[in-house]
Structure formats: structure tokens, C-alpha cells
């Protein structure tokens, strides 16, 4: 059965309506970095969108790995789910899955009273490797204006780390493919793109030039069909409402 563009877009729209398609101005998450990958075989397709950021309610920074696919593999189902809960999960999310990884370890870098980097913190651990806490001058050099210097907000720290160690805060190849069928090949990876403002009910993937073209790439395997005319907007500076709830 051929892969159809309209079917791909209808899946993305449905996920958008169910709030499982990434909102880059998610009121609960301070955005720091994003990436999008496409996978394809003769009969199947998958799209993976990674979002690294800081949700104060989660305490630790995390990377959300959102997978949209004709067939979701190795679905992440909580162990505590019973049969009815699993049936509901599959019925409501037939073509999508979401996983989280935490590239930055919990540690003394966190202020235990607020969502701040602890005063006097010297290091943090990123993907198992100790790293030095940046100086205030390093934030300035990276174009990150602190809201309340000399204190550093946890989300400002995340944006710095994403800028200097992007590959470490986003998913590894294995993590990115956890819900993708192993017979699919990666055909495209984007570090930036023009993302729809899906908080607006009129702005959906099916109406986005970006996702219209990406659906064509998935349907045909021809990456040359991705020819965006709009500038990328996935940098966190373009989504100032993110994390403000």
C-alpha cells in the first residue's frame, strides 16, 4: 500500500488536536533545543521530533522524543498499566509515542529552594561526564541575557548547555530510534525548520509548508522535495511564551 501525503498530514493534525504534537511555545516548558528526523521504508514512515528544555514541574531538564509513524514500535507503556489502560492508550495514540530522557544528572548544581542554579556550584554531569558550571560572562558571550543576575535560572542554564553541547542534550541515535521500526532508514535530519504555532487552532501541520513538504518526502523518499521558502523559527528566542505558565 503506497504512503499517502494526506494520510501523514491527517495523523499529524490529529496528534495536534490531542496535544501530542510538539508546541514550541508550550507554557510548561522553557525551550532550549530541537531536532527533526525522517525515516522511511518501502511501506512505512516515521517522523521524530526532539525537544530539549526545562519544565519546572519536572525538576530536571529533559528531552522529549516524540515519534509519529505509520506503525509505532516498542511502544513505551508504563509497567503499572492494566489491560484497560493499555487499550485506551493504543486507541487514543495509534500513530504516536513519547519518551523522555534526562541528559543532565540531578546534583549540587540545583538550588533546592527555587528553580535556580545553586550559588557557588562548580560542576554538573552531562551524559555521565563532569562539566564546569559556566561563568556569568560565558552566558553573555552566548547571547543569553540573564533575567536576574548574578543568579542564573535553570532554564537559562539549559539554554547555555544546549548551545555549547547540542549533541549531548538531544537524543542519541539509539534513543531517537526507540519507537522507529528497525527496517526504516533515516532519510533526512533537520537542525532547524519553520514550525507551526499550534497553540493557534488555525495553525496545523496540514497547513504548514514545512510539514506538507516533509510529508511529500516521506511519501516518495525524495528529499529534494523539501524546499522551504520560510525562514526557520525553531530557536528558543522565537518562542518567548514557552515556560511562562
C-alpha atoms as a PDB file:
ATOM      1  CA  UNK A   1       0.000   0.000   0.000  1.00  0.00           C
ATOM      2  CA  UNK A   2       1.557   3.345  -1.018  1.00  0.00           C
ATOM      3  CA  UNK A   3       2.370   6.007   1.561  1.00  0.00           C
ATOM      4  CA  UNK A   4      -0.052   8.892   1.133  1.00  0.00           C
ATOM      5  CA  UNK A   5       0.719  12.529   1.898  1.00  0.00           C
ATOM      6  CA  UNK A   6      -2.807  13.305   3.093  1.00  0.00           C
ATOM      7  CA  UNK A   7      -2.768  10.361   5.476  1.00  0.00           C
ATOM      8  CA  UNK A   8       0.504  11.517   7.046  1.00  0.00           C
ATOM      9  CA  UNK A   9      -0.833  15.046   7.489  1.00  0.00           C
ATOM     10  CA  UNK A  10      -4.107  13.779   8.953  1.00  0.00           C
ATOM     11  CA  UNK A  11      -2.158  11.842  11.594  1.00  0.00           C
ATOM     12  CA  UNK A  12      -0.100  14.912  12.500  1.00  0.00           C
ATOM     13  CA  UNK A  13      -3.243  17.051  12.689  1.00  0.00           C
ATOM     14  CA  UNK A  14      -4.978  14.525  14.922  1.00  0.00           C
ATOM     15  CA  UNK A  15      -1.988  14.474  17.253  1.00  0.00           C
ATOM     16  CA  UNK A  16      -2.029  18.256  17.253  1.00  0.00           C
ATOM     17  CA  UNK A  17      -5.692  18.244  18.294  1.00  0.00           C
ATOM     18  CA  UNK A  18      -4.841  15.801  21.087  1.00  0.00           C
ATOM     19  CA  UNK A  19      -1.885  17.933  22.257  1.00  0.00           C
ATOM     20  CA  UNK A  20       0.717  15.282  21.454  1.00  0.00           C
ATOM     21  CA  UNK A  21       2.325  17.225  18.582  1.00  0.00           C
ATOM     22  CA  UNK A  22       5.143  19.477  19.849  1.00  0.00           C
ATOM     23  CA  UNK A  23       4.224  23.032  20.835  1.00  0.00           C
ATOM     24  CA  UNK A  24       7.418  25.044  20.841  1.00  0.00           C
ATOM     25  CA  UNK A  25       5.749  27.689  22.990  1.00  0.00           C
ATOM     26  CA  UNK A  26       4.437  25.128  25.460  1.00  0.00           C
ATOM     27  CA  UNK A  27       3.565  27.154  28.540  1.00  0.00           C
ATOM     28  CA  UNK A  28       5.083  24.499  30.794  1.00  0.00           C
ATOM     29  CA  UNK A  29       8.447  24.127  29.049  1.00  0.00           C
ATOM     30  CA  UNK A  30      11.252  26.630  28.515  1.00  0.00           C
ATOM     31  CA  UNK A  31      12.570  25.641  25.078  1.00  0.00           C
ATOM     32  CA  UNK A  32      16.311  25.145  24.612  1.00  0.00           C
ATOM     33  CA  UNK A  33      16.926  22.945  21.512  1.00  0.00           C
ATOM     34  CA  UNK A  34      15.076  20.980  18.829  1.00  0.00           C
ATOM     35  CA  UNK A  35      15.733  18.488  16.038  1.00  0.00           C
ATOM     36  CA  UNK A  36      13.568  16.644  13.483  1.00  0.00           C
ATOM     37  CA  UNK A  37      14.322  13.352  11.716  1.00  0.00           C
ATOM     38  CA  UNK A  38      12.561  11.394   8.972  1.00  0.00           C
ATOM     39  CA  UNK A  39      12.674   7.620   8.453  1.00  0.00           C
ATOM     40  CA  UNK A  40      11.253   5.506   5.662  1.00  0.00           C
ATOM     41  CA  UNK A  41      10.966   2.029   4.172  1.00  0.00           C
ATOM     42  CA  UNK A  42       9.008   0.905   1.137  1.00  0.00           C
ATOM     43  CA  UNK A  43       5.789   0.600   3.132  1.00  0.00           C
ATOM     44  CA  UNK A  44       6.282   2.634   6.305  1.00  0.00           C
ATOM     45  CA  UNK A  45       7.325   6.063   7.528  1.00  0.00           C
ATOM     46  CA  UNK A  46       8.253   7.784  10.787  1.00  0.00           C
ATOM     47  CA  UNK A  47       8.943  11.312  11.963  1.00  0.00           C
ATOM     48  CA  UNK A  48      10.779  12.043  15.211  1.00  0.00           C
ATOM     49  CA  UNK A  49      10.847  15.484  16.834  1.00  0.00           C
ATOM     50  CA  UNK A  50      13.171  16.090  19.789  1.00  0.00           C
ATOM     51  CA  UNK A  51      12.622  18.955  22.222  1.00  0.00           C
ATOM     52  CA  UNK A  52      15.138  19.671  24.987  1.00  0.00           C
ATOM     53  CA  UNK A  53      14.027  22.130  27.613  1.00  0.00           C
ATOM     54  CA  UNK A  54      13.195  22.798  31.223  1.00  0.00           C
ATOM     55  CA  UNK A  55       9.854  22.147  32.878  1.00  0.00           C
ATOM     56  CA  UNK A  56       9.978  23.438  36.472  1.00  0.00           C
ATOM     57  CA  UNK A  57       7.406  20.816  37.470  1.00  0.00           C
ATOM     58  CA  UNK A  58       9.772  18.040  36.389  1.00  0.00           C
ATOM     59  CA  UNK A  59      12.718  19.398  38.407  1.00  0.00           C
ATOM     60  CA  UNK A  60      15.324  18.051  35.974  1.00  0.00           C
ATOM     61  CA  UNK A  61      15.813  19.202  32.372  1.00  0.00           C
ATOM     62  CA  UNK A  62      14.664  16.607  29.860  1.00  0.00           C
ATOM     63  CA  UNK A  63      14.487  15.780  26.180  1.00  0.00           C
ATOM     64  CA  UNK A  64      11.098  14.790  24.823  1.00  0.00           C
ATOM     65  CA  UNK A  65      11.331  12.351  21.899  1.00  0.00           C
ATOM     66  CA  UNK A  66       8.012  12.470  20.036  1.00  0.00           C
ATOM     67  CA  UNK A  67       7.548   9.794  17.382  1.00  0.00           C
ATOM     68  CA  UNK A  68       4.841   9.829  14.701  1.00  0.00           C
ATOM     69  CA  UNK A  69       4.686   6.788  12.455  1.00  0.00           C
ATOM     70  CA  UNK A  70       2.606   4.511  10.288  1.00  0.00           C
ATOM     71  CA  UNK A  71       3.496   1.814  12.836  1.00  0.00           C
ATOM     72  CA  UNK A  72       4.919   2.574  16.285  1.00  0.00           C
ATOM     73  CA  UNK A  73       7.444   0.007  17.519  1.00  0.00           C
ATOM     74  CA  UNK A  74       8.481  -0.876  21.074  1.00  0.00           C
ATOM     75  CA  UNK A  75       5.829   1.408  22.491  1.00  0.00           C
ATOM     76  CA  UNK A  76       6.642   2.877  25.894  1.00  0.00           C
ATOM     77  CA  UNK A  77       3.851   1.542  28.133  1.00  0.00           C
ATOM     78  CA  UNK A  78       4.090   2.142  31.901  1.00  0.00           C
ATOM     79  CA  UNK A  79       4.512  -1.106  33.810  1.00  0.00           C
ATOM     80  CA  UNK A  80       1.661  -0.201  36.162  1.00  0.00           C
ATOM     81  CA  UNK A  81      -0.881  -0.083  33.309  1.00  0.00           C
ATOM     82  CA  UNK A  82      -3.577  -2.728  33.289  1.00  0.00           C
ATOM     83  CA  UNK A  83      -5.301  -4.166  30.225  1.00  0.00           C
ATOM     84  CA  UNK A  84      -7.958  -1.445  30.049  1.00  0.00           C
ATOM     85  CA  UNK A  85      -5.408   1.337  30.384  1.00  0.00           C
ATOM     86  CA  UNK A  86      -3.270  -0.195  27.635  1.00  0.00           C
ATOM     87  CA  UNK A  87      -6.301  -0.484  25.362  1.00  0.00           C
ATOM     88  CA  UNK A  88      -7.122   3.187  25.942  1.00  0.00           C
ATOM     89  CA  UNK A  89      -3.505   4.216  25.300  1.00  0.00           C
ATOM     90  CA  UNK A  90      -3.402   2.359  21.986  1.00  0.00           C
ATOM     91  CA  UNK A  91      -6.829   3.596  20.920  1.00  0.00           C
ATOM     92  CA  UNK A  92      -6.005   7.236  21.641  1.00  0.00           C
ATOM     93  CA  UNK A  93      -2.440   7.147  20.297  1.00  0.00           C
ATOM     94  CA  UNK A  94      -2.388   4.719  17.361  1.00  0.00           C
ATOM     95  CA  UNK A  95       0.370   6.520  15.469  1.00  0.00           C
ATOM     96  CA  UNK A  96       2.397   8.326  18.113  1.00  0.00           C
ATOM     97  CA  UNK A  97       4.601   7.689  21.113  1.00  0.00           C
ATOM     98  CA  UNK A  98       6.507   9.936  23.506  1.00  0.00           C
ATOM     99  CA  UNK A  99       9.595   9.181  25.558  1.00  0.00           C
ATOM    100  CA  UNK A 100      11.749  11.304  27.825  1.00  0.00           C
ATOM    101  CA  UNK A 101      15.472  11.174  28.536  1.00  0.00           C
ATOM    102  CA  UNK A 102      17.359  13.279  31.064  1.00  0.00           C
ATOM    103  CA  UNK A 103      20.822  14.163  29.786  1.00  0.00           C
ATOM    104  CA  UNK A 104      21.746  16.263  32.855  1.00  0.00           C
ATOM    105  CA  UNK A 105      22.007  14.479  36.198  1.00  0.00           C
ATOM    106  CA  UNK A 106      20.463  15.706  39.403  1.00  0.00           C
ATOM    107  CA  UNK A 107      23.134  17.235  41.593  1.00  0.00           C
ATOM    108  CA  UNK A 108      24.550  20.068  43.642  1.00  0.00           C
ATOM    109  CA  UNK A 109      24.174  22.433  40.700  1.00  0.00           C
ATOM    110  CA  UNK A 110      20.464  22.791  41.588  1.00  0.00           C
ATOM    111  CA  UNK A 111      19.229  25.260  44.186  1.00  0.00           C
ATOM    112  CA  UNK A 112      16.925  23.248  46.452  1.00  0.00           C
ATOM    113  CA  UNK A 113      14.744  26.290  47.211  1.00  0.00           C
ATOM    114  CA  UNK A 114      14.000  27.583  43.734  1.00  0.00           C
ATOM    115  CA  UNK A 115      14.415  26.890  40.024  1.00  0.00           C
ATOM    116  CA  UNK A 116      17.926  28.305  40.002  1.00  0.00           C
ATOM    117  CA  UNK A 117      21.500  27.185  39.589  1.00  0.00           C
ATOM    118  CA  UNK A 118      22.869  26.918  43.117  1.00  0.00           C
ATOM    119  CA  UNK A 119      25.098  29.774  44.195  1.00  0.00           C
ATOM    120  CA  UNK A 120      28.682  28.562  44.261  1.00  0.00           C
ATOM    121  CA  UNK A 121      28.005  25.439  42.176  1.00  0.00           C
ATOM    122  CA  UNK A 122      31.161  24.243  40.440  1.00  0.00           C
ATOM    123  CA  UNK A 123      30.107  21.415  38.154  1.00  0.00           C
ATOM    124  CA  UNK A 124      27.296  19.350  36.694  1.00  0.00           C
ATOM    125  CA  UNK A 125      27.183  15.946  34.998  1.00  0.00           C
ATOM    126  CA  UNK A 126      26.144  15.738  31.339  1.00  0.00           C
ATOM    127  CA  UNK A 127      25.734  12.271  29.839  1.00  0.00           C
ATOM    128  CA  UNK A 128      27.953  10.872  32.572  1.00  0.00           C
ATOM    129  CA  UNK A 129      30.720  13.435  32.078  1.00  0.00           C
ATOM    130  CA  UNK A 130      31.506  16.144  34.683  1.00  0.00           C
ATOM    131  CA  UNK A 131      31.362  19.672  33.249  1.00  0.00           C
ATOM    132  CA  UNK A 132      32.186  23.058  34.712  1.00  0.00           C
ATOM    133  CA  UNK A 133      29.375  25.444  35.594  1.00  0.00           C
ATOM    134  CA  UNK A 134      29.686  28.436  33.213  1.00  0.00           C
ATOM    135  CA  UNK A 135      30.655  31.882  34.423  1.00  0.00           C
ATOM    136  CA  UNK A 136      28.282  34.823  34.010  1.00  0.00           C
ATOM    137  CA  UNK A 137      30.485  36.136  31.207  1.00  0.00           C
ATOM    138  CA  UNK A 138      30.015  32.908  29.266  1.00  0.00           C
ATOM    139  CA  UNK A 139      26.258  33.426  29.207  1.00  0.00           C
ATOM    140  CA  UNK A 140      26.757  36.892  27.774  1.00  0.00           C
ATOM    141  CA  UNK A 141      29.160  35.545  25.153  1.00  0.00           C
ATOM    142  CA  UNK A 142      26.475  33.104  24.030  1.00  0.00           C
ATOM    143  CA  UNK A 143      23.810  35.804  23.766  1.00  0.00           C
ATOM    144  CA  UNK A 144      21.851  34.632  26.826  1.00  0.00           C
ATOM    145  CA  UNK A 145      20.666  37.640  28.849  1.00  0.00           C
ATOM    146  CA  UNK A 146      20.087  36.635  32.470  1.00  0.00           C
ATOM    147  CA  UNK A 147      16.813  37.819  33.978  1.00  0.00           C
ATOM    148  CA  UNK A 148      18.153  38.345  37.487  1.00  0.00           C
ATOM    149  CA  UNK A 149      21.959  38.355  37.575  1.00  0.00           C
ATOM    150  CA  UNK A 150      24.033  37.190  39.301  1.00  0.00           C
ATOM    151  CA  UNK A 151      21.523  34.378  39.884  1.00  0.00           C
ATOM    152  CA  UNK A 152      21.038  32.018  36.959  1.00  0.00           C
ATOM    153  CA  UNK A 153      17.654  30.468  36.209  1.00  0.00           C
ATOM    154  CA  UNK A 154      17.668  26.731  35.473  1.00  0.00           C
ATOM    155  CA  UNK A 155      16.199  27.371  32.005  1.00  0.00           C
ATOM    156  CA  UNK A 156      18.974  29.883  31.221  1.00  0.00           C
ATOM    157  CA  UNK A 157      21.500  27.254  32.224  1.00  0.00           C
ATOM    158  CA  UNK A 158      19.783  24.718  29.917  1.00  0.00           C
ATOM    159  CA  UNK A 159      19.962  27.132  27.003  1.00  0.00           C
ATOM    160  CA  UNK A 160      23.664  27.620  27.599  1.00  0.00           C
ATOM    161  CA  UNK A 161      24.326  23.884  27.748  1.00  0.00           C
ATOM    162  CA  UNK A 162      22.275  23.360  24.567  1.00  0.00           C
ATOM    163  CA  UNK A 163      24.367  25.985  22.818  1.00  0.00           C
ATOM    164  CA  UNK A 164      27.742  24.502  23.774  1.00  0.00           C
ATOM    165  CA  UNK A 165      26.840  20.795  23.844  1.00  0.00           C
ATOM    166  CA  UNK A 166      23.888  20.373  21.499  1.00  0.00           C
ATOM    167  CA  UNK A 167      24.605  16.740  20.602  1.00  0.00           C
ATOM    168  CA  UNK A 168      24.707  15.778  24.270  1.00  0.00           C
ATOM    169  CA  UNK A 169      21.385  17.314  25.279  1.00  0.00           C
ATOM    170  CA  UNK A 170      19.465  15.964  22.291  1.00  0.00           C
ATOM    171  CA  UNK A 171      18.780  12.265  21.760  1.00  0.00           C
ATOM    172  CA  UNK A 172      21.403   9.724  20.830  1.00  0.00           C
ATOM    173  CA  UNK A 173      20.902   7.691  17.665  1.00  0.00           C
ATOM    174  CA  UNK A 174      19.600   4.768  19.743  1.00  0.00           C
ATOM    175  CA  UNK A 175      17.242   6.944  21.794  1.00  0.00           C
ATOM    176  CA  UNK A 176      15.905   8.645  18.682  1.00  0.00           C
ATOM    177  CA  UNK A 177      15.047   5.286  17.095  1.00  0.00           C
ATOM    178  CA  UNK A 178      13.445   3.611  20.123  1.00  0.00           C
ATOM    179  CA  UNK A 179       9.932   3.732  18.641  1.00  0.00           C
ATOM    180  CA  UNK A 180      11.012   3.525  14.972  1.00  0.00           C
ATOM    181  CA  UNK A 181      10.886   0.218  13.122  1.00  0.00           C
ATOM    182  CA  UNK A 182      14.456  -1.074  12.588  1.00  0.00           C
ATOM    183  CA  UNK A 183      13.786  -1.714   8.889  1.00  0.00           C
ATOM    184  CA  UNK A 184      13.408   2.016   8.202  1.00  0.00           C
ATOM    185  CA  UNK A 185      16.342   4.124   7.041  1.00  0.00           C
ATOM    186  CA  UNK A 186      16.897   7.702   8.089  1.00  0.00           C
ATOM    187  CA  UNK A 187      16.461   9.889   5.023  1.00  0.00           C
ATOM    188  CA  UNK A 188      16.559  13.426   6.430  1.00  0.00           C
ATOM    189  CA  UNK A 189      17.543  15.261   9.594  1.00  0.00           C
ATOM    190  CA  UNK A 190      16.839  18.930  10.267  1.00  0.00           C
ATOM    191  CA  UNK A 191      18.516  21.007  12.953  1.00  0.00           C
ATOM    192  CA  UNK A 192      16.116  23.892  12.244  1.00  0.00           C
ATOM    193  CA  UNK A 193      12.868  24.406  10.342  1.00  0.00           C
ATOM    194  CA  UNK A 194       9.737  26.578  10.310  1.00  0.00           C
ATOM    195  CA  UNK A 195       7.369  25.129  12.919  1.00  0.00           C
ATOM    196  CA  UNK A 196       3.653  25.989  13.046  1.00  0.00           C
ATOM    197  CA  UNK A 197       2.330  27.822  16.078  1.00  0.00           C
ATOM    198  CA  UNK A 198      -0.018  25.011  17.011  1.00  0.00           C
ATOM    199  CA  UNK A 199      -1.372  26.869  20.045  1.00  0.00           C
ATOM    200  CA  UNK A 200      -3.374  28.754  17.424  1.00  0.00           C
ATOM    201  CA  UNK A 201      -6.261  26.458  16.461  1.00  0.00           C
ATOM    202  CA  UNK A 202      -5.982  27.628  12.843  1.00  0.00           C
ATOM    203  CA  UNK A 203      -2.295  26.683  12.556  1.00  0.00           C
ATOM    204  CA  UNK A 204      -1.977  22.954  11.942  1.00  0.00           C
ATOM    205  CA  UNK A 205       0.692  20.714  10.362  1.00  0.00           C
ATOM    206  CA  UNK A 206      -1.520  20.173   7.295  1.00  0.00           C
ATOM    207  CA  UNK A 207      -1.467  23.930   6.654  1.00  0.00           C
ATOM    208  CA  UNK A 208       2.289  24.266   7.193  1.00  0.00           C
ATOM    209  CA  UNK A 209       4.553  24.427   4.157  1.00  0.00           C
ATOM    210  CA  UNK A 210       7.218  22.647   6.192  1.00  0.00           C
ATOM    211  CA  UNK A 211       5.112  19.633   7.056  1.00  0.00           C
ATOM    212  CA  UNK A 212       3.409  19.486   3.675  1.00  0.00           C
ATOM    213  CA  UNK A 213       6.853  19.131   2.107  1.00  0.00           C
ATOM    214  CA  UNK A 214       8.100  16.707   4.753  1.00  0.00           C
ATOM    215  CA  UNK A 215       5.034  14.526   4.146  1.00  0.00           C
ATOM    216  CA  UNK A 216       5.912  14.508   0.430  1.00  0.00           C
ATOM    217  CA  UNK A 217       9.456  13.442   1.290  1.00  0.00           C
ATOM    218  CA  UNK A 218       8.114  10.607   3.439  1.00  0.00           C
ATOM    219  CA  UNK A 219       5.653   9.517   0.761  1.00  0.00           C
ATOM    220  CA  UNK A 220       8.209   9.428  -2.063  1.00  0.00           C
ATOM    221  CA  UNK A 221      11.635   9.142  -0.437  1.00  0.00           C
ATOM    222  CA  UNK A 222      12.761  12.163  -2.476  1.00  0.00           C
ATOM    223  CA  UNK A 223      14.491  14.570  -0.077  1.00  0.00           C
ATOM    224  CA  UNK A 224      14.750  17.169  -2.866  1.00  0.00           C
ATOM    225  CA  UNK A 225      11.041  17.864  -2.333  1.00  0.00           C
ATOM    226  CA  UNK A 226      11.937  19.680   0.873  1.00  0.00           C
ATOM    227  CA  UNK A 227      12.486  23.210  -0.422  1.00  0.00           C
ATOM    228  CA  UNK A 228      11.298  25.579   2.330  1.00  0.00           C
ATOM    229  CA  UNK A 229      10.608  29.212   1.496  1.00  0.00           C
ATOM    230  CA  UNK A 230      10.014  30.390   5.064  1.00  0.00           C
ATOM    231  CA  UNK A 231      12.912  31.057   7.458  1.00  0.00           C
ATOM    232  CA  UNK A 232      13.470  28.634  10.348  1.00  0.00           C
ATOM    233  CA  UNK A 233      11.896  29.596  13.676  1.00  0.00           C
ATOM    234  CA  UNK A 234      12.826  26.718  15.985  1.00  0.00           C
ATOM    235  CA  UNK A 235      15.343  28.688  18.050  1.00  0.00           C
ATOM    236  CA  UNK A 236      14.076  29.357  21.575  1.00  0.00           C
ATOM    237  CA  UNK A 237      14.210  33.124  21.038  1.00  0.00           C
ATOM    238  CA  UNK A 238      11.262  32.795  18.665  1.00  0.00           C
ATOM    239  CA  UNK A 239       9.004  31.297  21.343  1.00  0.00           C
ATOM    240  CA  UNK A 240       9.052  33.712  24.297  1.00  0.00           C
ATOM    241  CA  UNK A 241       5.792  32.371  25.777  1.00  0.00           C
ATOM    242  CA  UNK A 242       7.319  28.948  26.431  1.00  0.00           C
ATOM    243  CA  UNK A 243       7.518  28.071  30.127  1.00  0.00           C
ATOM    244  CA  UNK A 244       5.559  31.099  31.275  1.00  0.00           C
ATOM    245  CA  UNK A 245       2.640  29.233  32.912  1.00  0.00           C
END
